[in-house]
Structure formats: C-alpha cells, structure tokens
Amino acid sequence: MGAWSHEPFGNDTALDWAAELATAKNLAVIEAAFDAVNEDGEDYLDASAGEEAVAAAQALAGLMSPAILANACPESVQDWARQVAEQPNPALKRKARQALQRVL
C-alpha cells in the first residue's frame, strides 16, 4: 500500500524524490522540481509533478531553517542539507513561490 498524507513528504512520489535529492551535491534537483511545474503549461498539472514541487519547497525551507529541517523533513533530506554548501538565491525562491501557487 502506498503512503499518502497531507504532509509534504507523506506520499510515495515525494519520498522517491527525496531519495533522488539525497544523492545531489547542489540545488539542481530542487530547481528541476519547480521548473517541471512552472514550465508545464497553464491547464493540466500532473499530480506527481505537484507532489515533487511541494516536497522541494519543504526541502528548500528546511535548508534555510534548522527548525523546519529537524521537524518536517525526512532523515535523507536532513543529511543532504547538512552536506550541501550552496544556499538558495532569490531566483530559486521566486520559482518556489510560483510553483507552489500553481499547485494551489
């Protein structure tokens, strides 16, 4: 049975995405999740792309806030955040806001 909840990492798609993020050395996987939603047109949004974008936004928030990281991100995302040296720039934050608005 698959995982599903209201939490950003509470579904199989987001957990699979987190496993991909865990192997990344930078923010490219996060940016790709936002780009997949933002560049997908105006009408239909695939649920999987939305789930990944929400997880990416949570991972990004966790990277910027130790409290969010510790309380709302899986261990694999926490480990990734401790190792990545890159910090999000304003353009990436704008992409995150745009993606989340589209998902909503």
N, C-alpha and C. Protein backbone atom coordinates (compact mmCIF):
# COMPACT_ATOMS: atom_id res chain seq x y z
N MET A 1 0.84 -1.18 0.00
CA MET A 1 0.00 0.00 0.00
C MET A 1 0.89 1.24 0.00
N GLY A 2 0.52 2.21 -0.78
CA GLY A 2 1.29 3.43 -0.88
C GLY A 2 1.07 4.37 0.29
N ALA A 3 2.01 5.28 0.44
CA ALA A 3 1.91 6.29 1.50
C ALA A 3 1.18 7.51 0.96
N TRP A 4 0.32 8.08 1.80
CA TRP A 4 -0.38 9.30 1.41
C TRP A 4 -0.82 10.05 2.66
N SER A 5 -0.52 11.31 2.74
CA SER A 5 -0.99 12.16 3.82
C SER A 5 -0.96 13.61 3.35
N HIS A 6 -1.30 14.51 4.23
CA HIS A 6 -1.31 15.94 3.92
C HIS A 6 0.09 16.56 4.04
N GLU A 7 1.05 15.83 4.55
CA GLU A 7 2.39 16.37 4.77
C GLU A 7 3.21 16.35 3.47
N PRO A 8 4.15 17.28 3.31
CA PRO A 8 4.92 17.37 2.07
C PRO A 8 5.65 16.08 1.68
N PHE A 9 6.09 15.31 2.64
CA PHE A 9 6.78 14.06 2.34
C PHE A 9 5.91 12.86 2.70
N GLY A 10 4.62 13.04 2.71
CA GLY A 10 3.70 11.99 3.12
C GLY A 10 3.15 11.16 1.98
N ASN A 11 3.85 11.09 0.86
CA ASN A 11 3.40 10.25 -0.25
C ASN A 11 4.61 9.61 -0.94
N ASP A 12 4.35 8.54 -1.67
CA ASP A 12 5.42 7.79 -2.31
C ASP A 12 6.22 8.62 -3.31
N THR A 13 5.55 9.46 -4.07
CA THR A 13 6.25 10.28 -5.06
C THR A 13 7.25 11.21 -4.38
N ALA A 14 6.84 11.87 -3.32
CA ALA A 14 7.73 12.78 -2.60
C ALA A 14 8.89 12.03 -1.95
N LEU A 15 8.61 10.85 -1.42
CA LEU A 15 9.68 10.07 -0.80
C LEU A 15 10.68 9.57 -1.84
N ASP A 16 10.20 9.19 -3.01
CA ASP A 16 11.11 8.81 -4.10
C ASP A 16 11.95 10.01 -4.53
N TRP A 17 11.31 11.18 -4.60
CA TRP A 17 12.04 12.40 -4.96
C TRP A 17 13.10 12.71 -3.91
N ALA A 18 12.78 12.52 -2.63
CA ALA A 18 13.74 12.77 -1.55
C ALA A 18 14.95 11.86 -1.68
N ALA A 19 14.74 10.63 -2.13
CA ALA A 19 15.87 9.71 -2.35
C ALA A 19 16.77 10.24 -3.46
N GLU A 20 16.17 10.82 -4.49
CA GLU A 20 16.96 11.43 -5.56
C GLU A 20 17.74 12.64 -5.03
N LEU A 21 17.07 13.46 -4.23
CA LEU A 21 17.73 14.64 -3.66
C LEU A 21 18.92 14.24 -2.80
N ALA A 22 18.80 13.15 -2.09
CA ALA A 22 19.86 12.71 -1.17
C ALA A 22 21.19 12.48 -1.88
N THR A 23 21.16 12.21 -3.18
CA THR A 23 22.39 11.97 -3.93
C THR A 23 22.93 13.24 -4.61
N ALA A 24 22.17 14.33 -4.52
CA ALA A 24 22.56 15.59 -5.19
C ALA A 24 23.64 16.32 -4.39
N LYS A 25 24.44 17.06 -5.11
CA LYS A 25 25.51 17.85 -4.49
C LYS A 25 25.20 19.33 -4.46
N ASN A 26 24.03 19.69 -5.04
CA ASN A 26 23.66 21.11 -5.12
C ASN A 26 22.14 21.23 -5.13
N LEU A 27 21.63 22.36 -5.58
CA LEU A 27 20.20 22.63 -5.57
C LEU A 27 19.51 22.31 -6.89
N ALA A 28 20.21 21.66 -7.81
CA ALA A 28 19.67 21.40 -9.14
C ALA A 28 18.41 20.53 -9.12
N VAL A 29 18.34 19.55 -8.24
CA VAL A 29 17.17 18.68 -8.17
C VAL A 29 15.96 19.47 -7.67
N ILE A 30 16.19 20.37 -6.74
CA ILE A 30 15.11 21.23 -6.25
C ILE A 30 14.62 22.15 -7.37
N GLU A 31 15.54 22.78 -8.05
CA GLU A 31 15.17 23.68 -9.14
C GLU A 31 14.43 22.94 -10.24
N ALA A 32 14.86 21.73 -10.55
CA ALA A 32 14.19 20.94 -11.59
C ALA A 32 12.75 20.63 -11.21
N ALA A 33 12.49 20.38 -9.94
CA ALA A 33 11.12 20.11 -9.49
C ALA A 33 10.23 21.34 -9.69
N PHE A 34 10.77 22.50 -9.40
CA PHE A 34 10.00 23.74 -9.61
C PHE A 34 9.79 24.00 -11.10
N ASP A 35 10.85 23.80 -11.88
CA ASP A 35 10.75 24.04 -13.33
C ASP A 35 9.71 23.11 -13.97
N ALA A 36 9.62 21.87 -13.50
CA ALA A 36 8.66 20.93 -14.07
C ALA A 36 7.23 21.43 -13.91
N VAL A 37 6.96 22.11 -12.82
CA VAL A 37 5.62 22.66 -12.57
C VAL A 37 5.44 23.98 -13.31
N ASN A 38 6.44 24.83 -13.22
CA ASN A 38 6.33 26.17 -13.79
C ASN A 38 6.31 26.18 -15.31
N GLU A 39 6.94 25.19 -15.93
CA GLU A 39 7.04 25.15 -17.39
C GLU A 39 6.05 24.18 -18.02
N ASP A 40 5.10 23.69 -17.25
CA ASP A 40 4.19 22.64 -17.70
C ASP A 40 2.93 23.18 -18.35
N GLY A 41 2.87 24.44 -18.65
CA GLY A 41 1.67 24.99 -19.27
C GLY A 41 0.70 25.52 -18.23
N GLU A 42 -0.44 25.92 -18.69
CA GLU A 42 -1.42 26.58 -17.82
C GLU A 42 -2.58 25.70 -17.40
N ASP A 43 -2.86 24.65 -18.15
CA ASP A 43 -4.07 23.88 -17.89
C ASP A 43 -3.85 22.76 -16.88
N TYR A 44 -3.45 21.64 -17.35
CA TYR A 44 -3.34 20.44 -16.53
C TYR A 44 -1.98 20.38 -15.84
N LEU A 45 -1.99 20.02 -14.57
CA LEU A 45 -0.76 19.80 -13.82
C LEU A 45 -0.77 18.37 -13.31
N ASP A 46 0.23 17.60 -13.71
CA ASP A 46 0.34 16.22 -13.27
C ASP A 46 0.54 16.18 -11.75
N ALA A 47 -0.19 15.31 -11.08
CA ALA A 47 -0.12 15.23 -9.62
C ALA A 47 1.29 14.93 -9.14
N SER A 48 2.01 14.08 -9.83
CA SER A 48 3.37 13.73 -9.41
C SER A 48 4.29 14.95 -9.43
N ALA A 49 4.15 15.77 -10.46
CA ALA A 49 4.97 16.98 -10.53
C ALA A 49 4.64 17.91 -9.38
N GLY A 50 3.37 18.02 -9.06
CA GLY A 50 2.96 18.86 -7.93
C GLY A 50 3.49 18.32 -6.61
N GLU A 51 3.43 17.02 -6.43
CA GLU A 51 3.93 16.41 -5.19
C GLU A 51 5.43 16.65 -5.03
N GLU A 52 6.16 16.53 -6.13
CA GLU A 52 7.60 16.78 -6.07
C GLU A 52 7.90 18.25 -5.79
N ALA A 53 7.13 19.15 -6.36
CA ALA A 53 7.35 20.58 -6.12
C ALA A 53 7.08 20.94 -4.66
N VAL A 54 6.05 20.36 -4.08
CA VAL A 54 5.75 20.63 -2.67
C VAL A 54 6.88 20.08 -1.79
N ALA A 55 7.36 18.89 -2.10
CA ALA A 55 8.48 18.32 -1.35
C ALA A 55 9.74 19.18 -1.52
N ALA A 56 9.96 19.66 -2.74
CA ALA A 56 11.13 20.51 -2.99
C ALA A 56 11.04 21.81 -2.20
N ALA A 57 9.85 22.37 -2.12
CA ALA A 57 9.67 23.60 -1.34
C ALA A 57 9.95 23.34 0.14
N GLN A 58 9.51 22.20 0.64
CA GLN A 58 9.78 21.86 2.04
C GLN A 58 11.28 21.66 2.27
N ALA A 59 11.94 21.00 1.33
CA ALA A 59 13.39 20.80 1.45
C ALA A 59 14.12 22.14 1.41
N LEU A 60 13.67 23.04 0.54
CA LEU A 60 14.27 24.37 0.45
C LEU A 60 14.06 25.14 1.75
N ALA A 61 12.86 25.08 2.29
CA ALA A 61 12.58 25.73 3.57
C ALA A 61 13.45 25.13 4.67
N GLY A 62 13.62 23.82 4.64
CA GLY A 62 14.47 23.16 5.62
C GLY A 62 15.92 23.58 5.51
N LEU A 63 16.37 23.80 4.29
CA LEU A 63 17.75 24.25 4.08
C LEU A 63 17.96 25.63 4.71
N MET A 64 16.92 26.44 4.71
CA MET A 64 17.01 27.81 5.24
C MET A 64 16.69 27.89 6.73
N SER A 65 16.05 26.86 7.29
CA SER A 65 15.63 26.90 8.69
C SER A 65 15.90 25.57 9.39
N PRO A 66 16.81 25.56 10.35
CA PRO A 66 17.10 24.31 11.07
C PRO A 66 15.87 23.72 11.76
N ALA A 67 14.95 24.54 12.22
CA ALA A 67 13.74 24.02 12.89
C ALA A 67 12.87 23.25 11.90
N ILE A 68 12.68 23.78 10.71
CA ILE A 68 11.89 23.09 9.69
C ILE A 68 12.60 21.81 9.27
N LEU A 69 13.90 21.91 9.11
CA LEU A 69 14.67 20.74 8.70
C LEU A 69 14.51 19.61 9.70
N ALA A 70 14.64 19.90 10.97
CA ALA A 70 14.59 18.87 12.00
C ALA A 70 13.19 18.33 12.23
N ASN A 71 12.17 19.15 12.04
CA ASN A 71 10.81 18.75 12.40
C ASN A 71 9.94 18.31 11.23
N ALA A 72 10.31 18.64 10.01
CA ALA A 72 9.38 18.39 8.90
C ALA A 72 10.02 17.77 7.66
N CYS A 73 11.26 17.32 7.78
CA CYS A 73 11.93 16.72 6.64
C CYS A 73 12.45 15.34 7.00
N PRO A 74 12.38 14.40 6.06
CA PRO A 74 12.91 13.07 6.34
C PRO A 74 14.42 13.10 6.60
N GLU A 75 14.90 12.07 7.22
CA GLU A 75 16.33 11.99 7.55
C GLU A 75 17.21 12.14 6.33
N SER A 76 16.80 11.60 5.18
CA SER A 76 17.62 11.71 3.97
C SER A 76 17.75 13.17 3.54
N VAL A 77 16.70 13.96 3.69
CA VAL A 77 16.75 15.38 3.35
C VAL A 77 17.60 16.14 4.37
N GLN A 78 17.49 15.76 5.62
CA GLN A 78 18.32 16.39 6.66
C GLN A 78 19.80 16.14 6.38
N ASP A 79 20.14 14.91 6.03
CA ASP A 79 21.54 14.58 5.71
C ASP A 79 22.02 15.38 4.51
N TRP A 80 21.17 15.47 3.47
CA TRP A 80 21.54 16.24 2.29
C TRP A 80 21.79 17.70 2.65
N ALA A 81 20.92 18.29 3.44
CA ALA A 81 21.03 19.71 3.80
C ALA A 81 22.31 19.98 4.59
N ARG A 82 22.73 19.03 5.39
CA ARG A 82 23.97 19.22 6.15
C ARG A 82 25.20 19.19 5.25
N GLN A 83 25.08 18.57 4.10
CA GLN A 83 26.24 18.40 3.21
C GLN A 83 26.32 19.42 2.09
N VAL A 84 25.18 19.95 1.68
CA VAL A 84 25.19 20.89 0.56
C VAL A 84 25.72 22.24 1.03
N ALA A 85 26.61 22.81 0.23
CA ALA A 85 27.23 24.08 0.61
C ALA A 85 26.49 25.27 0.01
N GLU A 86 25.71 25.02 -1.01
CA GLU A 86 25.01 26.08 -1.74
C GLU A 86 23.79 26.57 -0.95
N GLN A 87 23.56 27.86 -1.00
CA GLN A 87 22.37 28.46 -0.39
C GLN A 87 21.46 28.97 -1.51
N PRO A 88 20.15 28.96 -1.28
CA PRO A 88 19.22 29.39 -2.33
C PRO A 88 19.34 30.88 -2.65
N ASN A 89 19.27 31.18 -3.93
CA ASN A 89 19.31 32.58 -4.35
C ASN A 89 17.87 33.08 -4.54
N PRO A 90 17.69 34.38 -4.69
CA PRO A 90 16.34 34.93 -4.84
C PRO A 90 15.57 34.36 -6.03
N ALA A 91 16.24 34.04 -7.12
CA ALA A 91 15.55 33.48 -8.29
C ALA A 91 14.95 32.11 -7.97
N LEU A 92 15.66 31.30 -7.22
CA LEU A 92 15.15 29.99 -6.84
C LEU A 92 13.95 30.13 -5.90
N LYS A 93 14.03 31.07 -5.00
CA LYS A 93 12.90 31.32 -4.09
C LYS A 93 11.67 31.77 -4.86
N ARG A 94 11.86 32.58 -5.91
CA ARG A 94 10.73 33.01 -6.75
C ARG A 94 10.13 31.80 -7.48
N LYS A 95 10.99 30.92 -7.99
CA LYS A 95 10.50 29.71 -8.65
C LYS A 95 9.69 28.86 -7.68
N ALA A 96 10.12 28.79 -6.45
CA ALA A 96 9.40 28.01 -5.43
C ALA A 96 8.02 28.60 -5.20
N ARG A 97 7.95 29.91 -5.02
CA ARG A 97 6.66 30.56 -4.80
C ARG A 97 5.73 30.36 -6.00
N GLN A 98 6.27 30.50 -7.20
CA GLN A 98 5.47 30.33 -8.41
C GLN A 98 4.96 28.89 -8.51
N ALA A 99 5.82 27.92 -8.22
CA ALA A 99 5.41 26.51 -8.30
C ALA A 99 4.33 26.20 -7.27
N LEU A 100 4.51 26.67 -6.06
CA LEU A 100 3.50 26.40 -5.03
C LEU A 100 2.18 27.07 -5.36
N GLN A 101 2.22 28.26 -5.93
CA GLN A 101 0.99 28.94 -6.34
C GLN A 101 0.28 28.13 -7.41
N ARG A 102 1.03 27.58 -8.33
CA ARG A 102 0.42 26.75 -9.39
C ARG A 102 -0.19 25.49 -8.80
N VAL A 103 0.50 24.86 -7.86
CA VAL A 103 -0.04 23.65 -7.23
C VAL A 103 -1.34 23.97 -6.50
N LEU A 104 -1.36 25.11 -5.81
CA LEU A 104 -2.60 25.51 -5.11
C LEU A 104 -3.73 25.74 -6.08
